[in-house]
Amino acid sequence: MKFSIVALEILAISGWLIWQTRAVDRGRRSTAAAGLLALAALGLWAWLVVQAPVEAVQGVVQKILYVHVPNVIPTYLGFVLTAVAGVGFLWTRDERWDDLALASAEVGVLFCSLILVTGPIWAKPVWGQWWVWDLRLTSTLVLWFIYVAYLLLRSFAFGSGQARSFTAIYGIAGTAAIPFVYYAVRIARGGLHPENPAEHGMPPAMAWTLLSGHVAFLLSFAYLAARRLQLARLEAAIEEVL
């Protein structure tokens, strides 16, 4: 049931953001509503984190789990939408698809950065080190570099149709790293990074707290990406005037 909730939210957000590319002006009210919904969800998530039981082995530091893990799905969603929008741009040459690719990549990089920041904060008291070259950590860092490079390429591609086509292809190819990152723990048997705790069962209070984080962070992703789309349309309008 919990997986179904997250899966439905991902589909709804993806469809809504694609609709936003076609109706940015008409979508302002829905964007504001999404922002309020995200704020309310974040408030509920924060309350549940405080109320969640303290884990017996790791102690209170384990609660970083509720901040660290919910960043993962928005990261993957951002990069997958970058690829989907890249395909849309290559197929139609419609710049609105290109705007979605950029917005998704930027917000995806933000959430990926949060993964890399919160992970060491959790690792230090648990592993005794801020960073180890574990396969999951290393591959996540590589994924971050792939899409930071994508954003840098985009900055050089401004106004060039050929360069935008190249970055669209690059954004599509970059998603090949996602399955490797996801399955890195299983590939590197005996690595330090723990497996997904949700796959092995969690106490209900912890599971629902983690679910609330997934819902809240996905809503935050949707709001930030929609706002970035609106900014892209304003930039395009300014370019037309100039």
C-alpha atoms as a PDB file:
ATOM      1  CA  MET A   1       0.000   0.000   0.000  1.00  0.00           C
ATOM      2  CA  LYS A   2       2.785   2.437   0.934  1.00  0.00           C
ATOM      3  CA  PHE A   3       4.592   1.761  -2.358  1.00  0.00           C
ATOM      4  CA  SER A   4       1.335   2.327  -4.247  1.00  0.00           C
ATOM      5  CA  ILE A   5       0.875   5.728  -2.605  1.00  0.00           C
ATOM      6  CA  VAL A   6       4.347   6.845  -3.666  1.00  0.00           C
ATOM      7  CA  ALA A   7       3.956   5.377  -7.182  1.00  0.00           C
ATOM      8  CA  LEU A   8       0.644   7.178  -7.713  1.00  0.00           C
ATOM      9  CA  GLU A   9       2.159  10.428  -6.457  1.00  0.00           C
ATOM     10  CA  ILE A  10       5.064  10.069  -8.892  1.00  0.00           C
ATOM     11  CA  LEU A  11       2.675   9.537 -11.819  1.00  0.00           C
ATOM     12  CA  ALA A  12       0.473  12.457 -10.741  1.00  0.00           C
ATOM     13  CA  ILE A  13       3.435  14.813 -10.352  1.00  0.00           C
ATOM     14  CA  SER A  14       4.919  13.778 -13.698  1.00  0.00           C
ATOM     15  CA  GLY A  15       1.629  14.373 -15.500  1.00  0.00           C
ATOM     16  CA  TRP A  16       1.054  17.669 -13.715  1.00  0.00           C
ATOM     17  CA  LEU A  17       4.506  18.997 -14.604  1.00  0.00           C
ATOM     18  CA  ILE A  18       4.047  18.030 -18.258  1.00  0.00           C
ATOM     19  CA  TRP A  19       0.704  19.860 -18.184  1.00  0.00           C
ATOM     20  CA  GLN A  20       2.491  22.841 -16.646  1.00  0.00           C
ATOM     21  CA  THR A  21       4.702  23.127 -19.724  1.00  0.00           C
ATOM     22  CA  ARG A  22       1.540  23.597 -21.786  1.00  0.00           C
ATOM     23  CA  ALA A  23      -0.304  25.871 -19.362  1.00  0.00           C
ATOM     24  CA  VAL A  24       2.236  27.776 -17.300  1.00  0.00           C
ATOM     25  CA  ASP A  25       0.065  30.883 -17.009  1.00  0.00           C
ATOM     26  CA  ARG A  26      -3.100  28.921 -16.202  1.00  0.00           C
ATOM     27  CA  GLY A  27      -1.165  26.717 -13.827  1.00  0.00           C
ATOM     28  CA  ARG A  28      -0.128  29.454 -11.415  1.00  0.00           C
ATOM     29  CA  ARG A  29      -2.989  28.734  -9.049  1.00  0.00           C
ATOM     30  CA  SER A  30      -2.268  25.024  -9.027  1.00  0.00           C
ATOM     31  CA  THR A  31       1.403  25.804  -8.366  1.00  0.00           C
ATOM     32  CA  ALA A  32       0.470  27.945  -5.376  1.00  0.00           C
ATOM     33  CA  ALA A  33      -1.800  25.139  -4.139  1.00  0.00           C
ATOM     34  CA  ALA A  34       1.033  22.645  -4.583  1.00  0.00           C
ATOM     35  CA  GLY A  35       3.288  24.896  -2.525  1.00  0.00           C
ATOM     36  CA  LEU A  36       0.781  25.066   0.327  1.00  0.00           C
ATOM     37  CA  LEU A  37       0.247  21.308   0.153  1.00  0.00           C
ATOM     38  CA  ALA A  38       4.003  20.709   0.245  1.00  0.00           C
ATOM     39  CA  LEU A  39       4.350  23.040   3.241  1.00  0.00           C
ATOM     40  CA  ALA A  40       1.597  21.209   5.115  1.00  0.00           C
ATOM     41  CA  ALA A  41       3.129  17.821   4.257  1.00  0.00           C
ATOM     42  CA  LEU A  42       6.551  18.991   5.461  1.00  0.00           C
ATOM     43  CA  GLY A  43       4.999  20.143   8.725  1.00  0.00           C
ATOM     44  CA  LEU A  44       3.335  16.750   9.268  1.00  0.00           C
ATOM     45  CA  TRP A  45       6.575  14.959   8.354  1.00  0.00           C
ATOM     46  CA  ALA A  46       8.594  17.040  10.842  1.00  0.00           C
ATOM     47  CA  TRP A  47       6.073  16.287  13.601  1.00  0.00           C
ATOM     48  CA  LEU A  48       6.194  12.564  12.840  1.00  0.00           C
ATOM     49  CA  VAL A  49      10.005  12.605  12.883  1.00  0.00           C
ATOM     50  CA  VAL A  50       9.950  14.109  16.375  1.00  0.00           C
ATOM     51  CA  GLN A  51       7.364  11.563  17.516  1.00  0.00           C
ATOM     52  CA  ALA A  52       9.050   8.533  15.913  1.00  0.00           C
ATOM     53  CA  PRO A  53      10.613   6.064  18.355  1.00  0.00           C
ATOM     54  CA  VAL A  54      14.351   6.170  18.960  1.00  0.00           C
ATOM     55  CA  GLU A  55      16.144   3.246  17.313  1.00  0.00           C
ATOM     56  CA  ALA A  56      17.694   0.901  19.899  1.00  0.00           C
ATOM     57  CA  VAL A  57      21.168   0.524  18.337  1.00  0.00           C
ATOM     58  CA  GLN A  58      21.938   3.849  16.638  1.00  0.00           C
ATOM     59  CA  GLY A  59      19.983   6.064  18.972  1.00  0.00           C
ATOM     60  CA  VAL A  60      18.549   9.422  17.996  1.00  0.00           C
ATOM     61  CA  VAL A  61      21.026   9.858  15.112  1.00  0.00           C
ATOM     62  CA  GLN A  62      19.038   7.202  13.223  1.00  0.00           C
ATOM     63  CA  LYS A  63      16.344   9.835  12.641  1.00  0.00           C
ATOM     64  CA  ILE A  64      18.538  11.299   9.908  1.00  0.00           C
ATOM     65  CA  LEU A  65      17.131   8.351   7.923  1.00  0.00           C
ATOM     66  CA  TYR A  66      13.880  10.322   7.605  1.00  0.00           C
ATOM     67  CA  VAL A  67      15.767  13.207   5.978  1.00  0.00           C
ATOM     68  CA  HIS A  68      18.311  11.240   3.960  1.00  0.00           C
ATOM     69  CA  VAL A  69      16.187   8.562   2.283  1.00  0.00           C
ATOM     70  CA  PRO A  70      13.249  10.736   1.066  1.00  0.00           C
ATOM     71  CA  ASN A  71      15.676  12.709  -1.109  1.00  0.00           C
ATOM     72  CA  VAL A  72      16.309   9.659  -3.281  1.00  0.00           C
ATOM     73  CA  ILE A  73      13.019   9.393  -5.197  1.00  0.00           C
ATOM     74  CA  PRO A  74      12.878  13.129  -6.120  1.00  0.00           C
ATOM     75  CA  THR A  75      16.454  12.808  -7.361  1.00  0.00           C
ATOM     76  CA  TYR A  76      15.638   9.879  -9.616  1.00  0.00           C
ATOM     77  CA  LEU A  77      12.353  11.478 -10.718  1.00  0.00           C
ATOM     78  CA  GLY A  78      14.124  14.695 -11.655  1.00  0.00           C
ATOM     79  CA  PHE A  79      16.663  12.907 -13.814  1.00  0.00           C
ATOM     80  CA  VAL A  80      14.103  10.588 -15.422  1.00  0.00           C
ATOM     81  CA  LEU A  81      11.920  13.595 -16.290  1.00  0.00           C
ATOM     82  CA  THR A  82      15.015  15.237 -17.770  1.00  0.00           C
ATOM     83  CA  ALA A  83      15.302  12.242 -20.096  1.00  0.00           C
ATOM     84  CA  VAL A  84      11.574  12.157 -20.914  1.00  0.00           C
ATOM     85  CA  ALA A  85      11.597  15.864 -21.700  1.00  0.00           C
ATOM     86  CA  GLY A  86      14.777  15.387 -23.729  1.00  0.00           C
ATOM     87  CA  VAL A  87      13.000  12.812 -25.875  1.00  0.00           C
ATOM     88  CA  GLY A  88      10.058  15.207 -26.229  1.00  0.00           C
ATOM     89  CA  PHE A  89      12.371  18.001 -27.341  1.00  0.00           C
ATOM     90  CA  LEU A  90      14.212  15.852 -29.873  1.00  0.00           C
ATOM     91  CA  TRP A  91      10.899  14.601 -31.274  1.00  0.00           C
ATOM     92  CA  THR A  92       9.041  17.923 -31.473  1.00  0.00           C
ATOM     93  CA  ARG A  93      11.731  20.628 -31.213  1.00  0.00           C
ATOM     94  CA  ASP A  94       9.319  22.342 -28.817  1.00  0.00           C
ATOM     95  CA  GLU A  95      11.247  24.485 -26.333  1.00  0.00           C
ATOM     96  CA  ARG A  96       8.668  23.824 -23.634  1.00  0.00           C
ATOM     97  CA  TRP A  97      10.024  20.282 -23.399  1.00  0.00           C
ATOM     98  CA  ASP A  98      13.501  21.758 -23.115  1.00  0.00           C
ATOM     99  CA  ASP A  99      12.312  23.971 -20.249  1.00  0.00           C
ATOM    100  CA  LEU A 100      10.984  20.913 -18.422  1.00  0.00           C
ATOM    101  CA  ALA A 101      14.288  19.089 -18.913  1.00  0.00           C
ATOM    102  CA  LEU A 102      16.218  21.969 -17.391  1.00  0.00           C
ATOM    103  CA  ALA A 103      13.803  22.464 -14.487  1.00  0.00           C
ATOM    104  CA  SER A 104      13.804  18.755 -13.650  1.00  0.00           C
ATOM    105  CA  ALA A 105      17.589  18.506 -13.808  1.00  0.00           C
ATOM    106  CA  GLU A 106      18.125  21.544 -11.594  1.00  0.00           C
ATOM    107  CA  VAL A 107      15.732  20.343  -8.901  1.00  0.00           C
ATOM    108  CA  GLY A 108      17.047  16.783  -9.231  1.00  0.00           C
ATOM    109  CA  VAL A 109      20.589  18.014  -8.597  1.00  0.00           C
ATOM    110  CA  LEU A 110      19.325  19.886  -5.522  1.00  0.00           C
ATOM    111  CA  PHE A 111      17.866  16.719  -4.011  1.00  0.00           C
ATOM    112  CA  CYS A 112      20.925  14.674  -5.024  1.00  0.00           C
ATOM    113  CA  SER A 113      23.085  17.247  -3.217  1.00  0.00           C
ATOM    114  CA  LEU A 114      20.954  16.769  -0.111  1.00  0.00           C
ATOM    115  CA  ILE A 115      21.600  13.007  -0.313  1.00  0.00           C
ATOM    116  CA  LEU A 116      25.338  13.646  -0.374  1.00  0.00           C
ATOM    117  CA  VAL A 117      25.159  16.132   2.505  1.00  0.00           C
ATOM    118  CA  THR A 118      22.900  14.184   4.859  1.00  0.00           C
ATOM    119  CA  GLY A 119      24.604  10.839   4.225  1.00  0.00           C
ATOM    120  CA  PRO A 120      27.943  11.789   5.846  1.00  0.00           C
ATOM    121  CA  ILE A 121      26.128  13.385   8.793  1.00  0.00           C
ATOM    122  CA  TRP A 122      24.575   9.981   9.433  1.00  0.00           C
ATOM    123  CA  ALA A 123      27.748   8.045   8.572  1.00  0.00           C
ATOM    124  CA  LYS A 124      30.091   9.801  11.012  1.00  0.00           C
ATOM    125  CA  PRO A 125      28.468   8.609  14.260  1.00  0.00           C
ATOM    126  CA  VAL A 126      27.520   5.192  12.792  1.00  0.00           C
ATOM    127  CA  TRP A 127      30.620   4.270  10.746  1.00  0.00           C
ATOM    128  CA  GLY A 128      33.094   6.569  12.473  1.00  0.00           C
ATOM    129  CA  GLN A 129      33.922   8.272   9.155  1.00  0.00           C
ATOM    130  CA  TRP A 130      32.349  11.085   7.173  1.00  0.00           C
ATOM    131  CA  TRP A 131      32.920   9.306   3.865  1.00  0.00           C
ATOM    132  CA  VAL A 132      34.047   5.921   2.608  1.00  0.00           C
ATOM    133  CA  TRP A 133      34.421   4.927  -1.027  1.00  0.00           C
ATOM    134  CA  ASP A 134      31.538   2.505  -0.753  1.00  0.00           C
ATOM    135  CA  LEU A 135      30.004   1.621  -4.128  1.00  0.00           C
ATOM    136  CA  ARG A 136      26.627   3.219  -3.315  1.00  0.00           C
ATOM    137  CA  LEU A 137      28.250   6.453  -2.125  1.00  0.00           C
ATOM    138  CA  THR A 138      30.690   6.603  -5.005  1.00  0.00           C
ATOM    139  CA  SER A 139      28.070   5.873  -7.660  1.00  0.00           C
ATOM    140  CA  THR A 140      25.727   8.507  -6.175  1.00  0.00           C
ATOM    141  CA  LEU A 141      28.556  11.043  -6.355  1.00  0.00           C
ATOM    142  CA  VAL A 142      29.143  10.068  -9.993  1.00  0.00           C
ATOM    143  CA  LEU A 143      25.421  10.533 -10.710  1.00  0.00           C
ATOM    144  CA  TRP A 144      25.607  14.005  -9.153  1.00  0.00           C
ATOM    145  CA  PHE A 145      28.602  14.886 -11.339  1.00  0.00           C
ATOM    146  CA  ILE A 146      26.786  13.629 -14.459  1.00  0.00           C
ATOM    147  CA  TYR A 147      23.910  16.048 -13.981  1.00  0.00           C
ATOM    148  CA  VAL A 148      26.009  18.936 -12.701  1.00  0.00           C
ATOM    149  CA  ALA A 149      27.903  18.509 -15.971  1.00  0.00           C
ATOM    150  CA  TYR A 150      24.547  18.496 -17.773  1.00  0.00           C
ATOM    151  CA  LEU A 151      23.685  21.863 -16.208  1.00  0.00           C
ATOM    152  CA  LEU A 152      27.088  23.241 -17.160  1.00  0.00           C
ATOM    153  CA  LEU A 153      26.590  22.055 -20.741  1.00  0.00           C
ATOM    154  CA  ARG A 154      23.171  23.702 -20.721  1.00  0.00           C
ATOM    155  CA  SER A 155      24.760  27.014 -19.759  1.00  0.00           C
ATOM    156  CA  PHE A 156      26.896  26.794 -22.911  1.00  0.00           C
ATOM    157  CA  ALA A 157      23.938  25.648 -25.026  1.00  0.00           C
ATOM    158  CA  PHE A 158      21.849  28.771 -24.486  1.00  0.00           C
ATOM    159  CA  GLY A 159      20.342  29.885 -27.788  1.00  0.00           C
ATOM    160  CA  SER A 160      21.859  27.050 -29.816  1.00  0.00           C
ATOM    161  CA  GLY A 161      19.470  24.405 -31.180  1.00  0.00           C
ATOM    162  CA  GLN A 162      22.290  21.984 -32.027  1.00  0.00           C
ATOM    163  CA  ALA A 163      23.822  22.292 -28.566  1.00  0.00           C
ATOM    164  CA  ARG A 164      20.418  21.759 -26.961  1.00  0.00           C
ATOM    165  CA  SER A 165      20.009  18.586 -28.962  1.00  0.00           C
ATOM    166  CA  PHE A 166      23.372  17.371 -27.687  1.00  0.00           C
ATOM    167  CA  THR A 167      22.479  18.127 -24.066  1.00  0.00           C
ATOM    168  CA  ALA A 168      19.109  16.399 -24.538  1.00  0.00           C
ATOM    169  CA  ILE A 169      20.925  13.253 -25.671  1.00  0.00           C
ATOM    170  CA  TYR A 170      23.347  13.596 -22.773  1.00  0.00           C
ATOM    171  CA  GLY A 171      20.463  13.927 -20.311  1.00  0.00           C
ATOM    172  CA  ILE A 172      18.835  10.801 -21.723  1.00  0.00           C
ATOM    173  CA  ALA A 173      22.074   8.809 -21.556  1.00  0.00           C
ATOM    174  CA  GLY A 174      22.725   9.931 -17.983  1.00  0.00           C
ATOM    175  CA  THR A 175      19.749   7.973 -16.671  1.00  0.00           C
ATOM    176  CA  ALA A 176      21.654   4.756 -17.418  1.00  0.00           C
ATOM    177  CA  ALA A 177      23.528   5.411 -14.161  1.00  0.00           C
ATOM    178  CA  ILE A 178      20.358   5.331 -12.027  1.00  0.00           C
ATOM    179  CA  PRO A 179      19.829   1.524 -11.977  1.00  0.00           C
ATOM    180  CA  PHE A 180      23.498   1.063 -11.134  1.00  0.00           C
ATOM    181  CA  VAL A 181      23.208   3.453  -8.174  1.00  0.00           C
ATOM    182  CA  TYR A 182      20.004   1.804  -6.979  1.00  0.00           C
ATOM    183  CA  TYR A 183      21.398  -1.732  -7.104  1.00  0.00           C
ATOM    184  CA  ALA A 184      24.910  -0.782  -5.931  1.00  0.00           C
ATOM    185  CA  VAL A 185      24.372  -2.267  -2.470  1.00  0.00           C
ATOM    186  CA  ARG A 186      23.408  -5.635  -3.958  1.00  0.00           C
ATOM    187  CA  ILE A 187      26.246  -5.521  -6.479  1.00  0.00           C
ATOM    188  CA  ALA A 188      28.849  -4.747  -3.805  1.00  0.00           C
ATOM    189  CA  ARG A 189      28.027  -7.477  -1.345  1.00  0.00           C
ATOM    190  CA  GLY A 190      29.565  -6.675   2.013  1.00  0.00           C
ATOM    191  CA  GLY A 191      29.703  -2.919   1.397  1.00  0.00           C
ATOM    192  CA  LEU A 192      29.270  -0.560   4.318  1.00  0.00           C
ATOM    193  CA  HIS A 193      26.153   1.145   3.008  1.00  0.00           C
ATOM    194  CA  PRO A 194      23.016  -0.494   4.459  1.00  0.00           C
ATOM    195  CA  GLU A 195      20.282  -1.866   2.259  1.00  0.00           C
ATOM    196  CA  ASN A 196      16.926  -0.158   2.033  1.00  0.00           C
ATOM    197  CA  PRO A 197      15.390  -0.758   5.489  1.00  0.00           C
ATOM    198  CA  ALA A 198      11.872  -0.604   4.078  1.00  0.00           C
ATOM    199  CA  GLU A 199      12.543  -3.774   2.062  1.00  0.00           C
ATOM    200  CA  HIS A 200      13.133  -5.738   5.271  1.00  0.00           C
ATOM    201  CA  GLY A 201      10.260  -4.326   7.273  1.00  0.00           C
ATOM    202  CA  MET A 202      10.118  -1.485   9.785  1.00  0.00           C
ATOM    203  CA  PRO A 203       8.013  -0.801  12.867  1.00  0.00           C
ATOM    204  CA  PRO A 204       4.769   0.922  11.763  1.00  0.00           C
ATOM    205  CA  ALA A 205       5.636   4.267  13.383  1.00  0.00           C
ATOM    206  CA  MET A 206       8.961   4.394  11.550  1.00  0.00           C
ATOM    207  CA  ALA A 207       7.462   3.196   8.265  1.00  0.00           C
ATOM    208  CA  TRP A 208       4.729   5.830   8.258  1.00  0.00           C
ATOM    209  CA  THR A 209       7.231   8.545   9.184  1.00  0.00           C
ATOM    210  CA  LEU A 210       9.427   7.519   6.262  1.00  0.00           C
ATOM    211  CA  LEU A 211       6.393   7.458   3.951  1.00  0.00           C
ATOM    212  CA  SER A 212       5.413  10.970   5.049  1.00  0.00           C
ATOM    213  CA  GLY A 213       8.928  12.083   4.098  1.00  0.00           C
ATOM    214  CA  HIS A 214       8.594  10.570   0.621  1.00  0.00           C
ATOM    215  CA  VAL A 215       5.240  12.299   0.098  1.00  0.00           C
ATOM    216  CA  ALA A 216       6.438  15.668   1.431  1.00  0.00           C
ATOM    217  CA  PHE A 217       9.699  15.700  -0.512  1.00  0.00           C
ATOM    218  CA  LEU A 218       7.981  14.681  -3.754  1.00  0.00           C
ATOM    219  CA  LEU A 219       5.470  17.515  -3.294  1.00  0.00           C
ATOM    220  CA  SER A 220       8.385  19.873  -2.676  1.00  0.00           C
ATOM    221  CA  PHE A 221      10.023  18.626  -5.876  1.00  0.00           C
ATOM    222  CA  ALA A 222       6.812  19.277  -7.817  1.00  0.00           C
ATOM    223  CA  TYR A 223       6.480  22.823  -6.469  1.00  0.00           C
ATOM    224  CA  LEU A 224      10.118  23.756  -7.111  1.00  0.00           C
ATOM    225  CA  ALA A 225      10.081  22.305 -10.638  1.00  0.00           C
ATOM    226  CA  ALA A 226       6.832  24.136 -11.462  1.00  0.00           C
ATOM    227  CA  ARG A 227       8.261  27.413 -10.199  1.00  0.00           C
ATOM    228  CA  ARG A 228      11.373  26.854 -12.315  1.00  0.00           C
ATOM    229  CA  LEU A 229       9.148  26.311 -15.352  1.00  0.00           C
ATOM    230  CA  GLN A 230       7.443  29.626 -14.684  1.00  0.00           C
ATOM    231  CA  LEU A 231      10.837  31.297 -14.462  1.00  0.00           C
ATOM    232  CA  ALA A 232      11.807  29.759 -17.813  1.00  0.00           C
ATOM    233  CA  ARG A 233       8.714  31.256 -19.448  1.00  0.00           C
ATOM    234  CA  LEU A 234       9.530  34.671 -17.969  1.00  0.00           C
ATOM    235  CA  GLU A 235      13.074  34.407 -19.306  1.00  0.00           C
ATOM    236  CA  ALA A 236      11.706  33.528 -22.752  1.00  0.00           C
ATOM    237  CA  ALA A 237       9.329  36.514 -22.646  1.00  0.00           C
ATOM    238  CA  ILE A 238      12.199  38.831 -21.757  1.00  0.00           C
ATOM    239  CA  GLU A 239      14.269  37.438 -24.617  1.00  0.00           C
ATOM    240  CA  GLU A 240      11.422  38.149 -27.042  1.00  0.00           C
ATOM    241  CA  VAL A 241      11.203  41.757 -25.855  1.00  0.00           C
ATOM    242  CA  LEU A 242      14.959  42.250 -26.127  1.00  0.00           C
END
